[in-house]
C-alpha atoms as a PDB file:
ATOM      1  CA  MET A   1     -41.170  -7.361   9.034  1.00  0.00           C
ATOM      2  CA  SER A   2     -40.418 -11.040   9.604  1.00  0.00           C
ATOM      3  CA  GLU A   3     -38.736 -12.394  12.717  1.00  0.00           C
ATOM      4  CA  ASP A   4     -35.535 -13.063  10.744  1.00  0.00           C
ATOM      5  CA  GLU A   5     -35.448  -9.451   9.526  1.00  0.00           C
ATOM      6  CA  VAL A   6     -35.845  -8.185  13.089  1.00  0.00           C
ATOM      7  CA  LYS A   7     -33.012 -10.446  14.314  1.00  0.00           C
ATOM      8  CA  LYS A   8     -30.775  -9.246  11.476  1.00  0.00           C
ATOM      9  CA  GLU A   9     -31.554  -5.606  12.258  1.00  0.00           C
ATOM     10  CA  VAL A  10     -30.753  -6.097  15.962  1.00  0.00           C
ATOM     11  CA  LYS A  11     -27.555  -7.975  15.082  1.00  0.00           C
ATOM     12  CA  ASP A  12     -26.443  -5.211  12.704  1.00  0.00           C
ATOM     13  CA  GLU A  13     -26.845  -2.630  15.466  1.00  0.00           C
ATOM     14  CA  THR A  14     -24.643  -4.536  17.911  1.00  0.00           C
ATOM     15  CA  HIS A  15     -21.469  -4.252  15.798  1.00  0.00           C
ATOM     16  CA  ILE A  16     -19.990  -1.678  13.471  1.00  0.00           C
ATOM     17  CA  ASN A  17     -17.255  -2.089  10.898  1.00  0.00           C
ATOM     18  CA  ILE A  18     -14.399   0.377  11.107  1.00  0.00           C
ATOM     19  CA  LYS A  19     -11.279   0.628   8.995  1.00  0.00           C
ATOM     20  CA  VAL A  20      -7.819   1.585  10.198  1.00  0.00           C
ATOM     21  CA  ARG A  21      -5.854   3.082   7.305  1.00  0.00           C
ATOM     22  CA  ASP A  22      -2.095   3.615   7.347  1.00  0.00           C
ATOM     23  CA  MET A  23      -0.034   6.236   5.501  1.00  0.00           C
ATOM     24  CA  ASP A  24       0.220   3.919   2.447  1.00  0.00           C
ATOM     25  CA  ASN A  25      -3.612   3.718   2.303  1.00  0.00           C
ATOM     26  CA  ALA A  26      -3.551   0.032   3.323  1.00  0.00           C
ATOM     27  CA  GLU A  27      -6.647  -0.751   5.379  1.00  0.00           C
ATOM     28  CA  VAL A  28      -7.294  -3.209   8.174  1.00  0.00           C
ATOM     29  CA  HIS A  29     -10.960  -3.865   8.925  1.00  0.00           C
ATOM     30  CA  PHE A  30     -12.365  -4.416  12.404  1.00  0.00           C
ATOM     31  CA  LYS A  31     -15.844  -5.412  13.508  1.00  0.00           C
ATOM     32  CA  VAL A  32     -16.423  -3.972  16.973  1.00  0.00           C
ATOM     33  CA  ARG A  33     -19.201  -3.143  19.375  1.00  0.00           C
ATOM     34  CA  PRO A  34     -19.944   0.546  19.846  1.00  0.00           C
ATOM     35  CA  THR A  35     -18.792   0.169  23.459  1.00  0.00           C
ATOM     36  CA  THR A  36     -15.437  -1.525  22.716  1.00  0.00           C
ATOM     37  CA  LYS A  37     -12.484   0.485  24.004  1.00  0.00           C
ATOM     38  CA  PHE A  38     -10.177   1.569  21.202  1.00  0.00           C
ATOM     39  CA  GLN A  39      -7.142   0.217  23.067  1.00  0.00           C
ATOM     40  CA  LYS A  40      -8.280  -3.259  22.040  1.00  0.00           C
ATOM     41  CA  VAL A  41      -8.417  -2.171  18.369  1.00  0.00           C
ATOM     42  CA  PHE A  42      -5.039  -0.405  18.624  1.00  0.00           C
ATOM     43  CA  ASP A  43      -3.363  -3.480  20.126  1.00  0.00           C
ATOM     44  CA  ALA A  44      -4.834  -5.780  17.464  1.00  0.00           C
ATOM     45  CA  TYR A  45      -3.785  -3.412  14.666  1.00  0.00           C
ATOM     46  CA  CYS A  46      -0.220  -3.104  15.955  1.00  0.00           C
ATOM     47  CA  GLN A  47       0.077  -6.858  16.422  1.00  0.00           C
ATOM     48  CA  ARG A  48      -1.202  -7.527  12.900  1.00  0.00           C
ATOM     49  CA  LYS A  49       1.183  -4.952  11.395  1.00  0.00           C
ATOM     50  CA  ALA A  50       4.131  -5.905  13.679  1.00  0.00           C
ATOM     51  CA  LEU A  51       4.372  -2.359  15.050  1.00  0.00           C
ATOM     52  CA  GLU A  52       5.249  -1.051  18.494  1.00  0.00           C
ATOM     53  CA  PRO A  53       2.048   0.438  19.980  1.00  0.00           C
ATOM     54  CA  ASN A  54       3.883   3.477  21.351  1.00  0.00           C
ATOM     55  CA  MET A  55       5.081   4.359  17.818  1.00  0.00           C
ATOM     56  CA  VAL A  56       1.611   4.705  16.265  1.00  0.00           C
ATOM     57  CA  ARG A  57      -0.946   7.470  16.696  1.00  0.00           C
ATOM     58  CA  PHE A  58      -4.590   6.950  15.766  1.00  0.00           C
ATOM     59  CA  LEU A  59      -6.685   9.829  14.465  1.00  0.00           C
ATOM     60  CA  VAL A  60     -10.248  10.404  13.390  1.00  0.00           C
ATOM     61  CA  ASP A  61     -10.980  13.659  11.544  1.00  0.00           C
ATOM     62  CA  GLY A  62      -7.518  14.878  12.576  1.00  0.00           C
ATOM     63  CA  GLU A  63      -8.180  14.397  16.297  1.00  0.00           C
ATOM     64  CA  ARG A  64      -6.154  11.889  18.296  1.00  0.00           C
ATOM     65  CA  ILE A  65      -8.072   8.955  19.751  1.00  0.00           C
ATOM     66  CA  ARG A  66      -7.367   7.793  23.299  1.00  0.00           C
ATOM     67  CA  GLY A  67      -7.367   4.101  24.160  1.00  0.00           C
ATOM     68  CA  ASP A  68     -10.127   4.554  26.734  1.00  0.00           C
ATOM     69  CA  GLN A  69     -12.530   6.031  24.165  1.00  0.00           C
ATOM     70  CA  THR A  70     -15.119   3.980  22.266  1.00  0.00           C
ATOM     71  CA  PRO A  71     -16.741   4.278  18.819  1.00  0.00           C
ATOM     72  CA  GLU A  72     -19.872   5.394  20.667  1.00  0.00           C
ATOM     73  CA  ASP A  73     -17.928   8.214  22.382  1.00  0.00           C
ATOM     74  CA  LEU A  74     -16.788   9.522  18.995  1.00  0.00           C
ATOM     75  CA  ASP A  75     -20.123   8.976  17.191  1.00  0.00           C
ATOM     76  CA  LEU A  76     -18.475   6.660  14.667  1.00  0.00           C
ATOM     77  CA  ASP A  77     -20.724   4.928  12.183  1.00  0.00           C
ATOM     78  CA  ASP A  78     -20.398   1.723  10.231  1.00  0.00           C
ATOM     79  CA  GLY A  79     -17.629   2.082   7.643  1.00  0.00           C
ATOM     80  CA  ASP A  80     -15.838   5.043   9.261  1.00  0.00           C
ATOM     81  CA  VAL A  81     -12.066   5.290   8.849  1.00  0.00           C
ATOM     82  CA  ILE A  82      -9.383   5.798  11.497  1.00  0.00           C
ATOM     83  CA  ASP A  83      -5.972   7.017  10.336  1.00  0.00           C
ATOM     84  CA  ALA A  84      -2.870   5.320  11.767  1.00  0.00           C
ATOM     85  CA  MET A  85       0.171   7.584  11.716  1.00  0.00           C
ATOM     86  CA  MET A  86       3.694   6.689  12.674  1.00  0.00           C
ATOM     87  CA  GLU A  87       5.016   8.978  15.379  1.00  0.00           C
ATOM     88  CA  GLN A  88       7.851  11.124  14.143  1.00  0.00           C
ATOM     89  CA  VAL A  89      10.840  11.386  16.432  1.00  0.00           C
ATOM     90  CA  GLY A  90      13.561  13.971  16.337  1.00  0.00           C
ATOM     91  CA  GLY A  91      13.971  17.004  14.159  1.00  0.00           C
ATOM     92  CA  ALA A  92      16.368  19.815  13.407  1.00  0.00           C
ATOM     93  CA  ASN A  93      17.829  21.810  16.266  1.00  0.00           C
END
């Protein structure tokens, strides 16, 4: 393996690409470190989509993600998808 190939391999391991998909199947891509707190991703997603952060819930495999968790905590791999769901308020009495 050449030196350039080794550098590329190390570089690839330092970031992963994750997708945040909304209910309309529109995706926003993020390149993050495995140790990046999801709150940073959530804030960037909400800013890009002009959404209030407290109105969106983020899920992976149906489980809610907390802002203090990281991709490493959830064993996310390159290309994994996070679902962004609008919080539903109200209901029938």
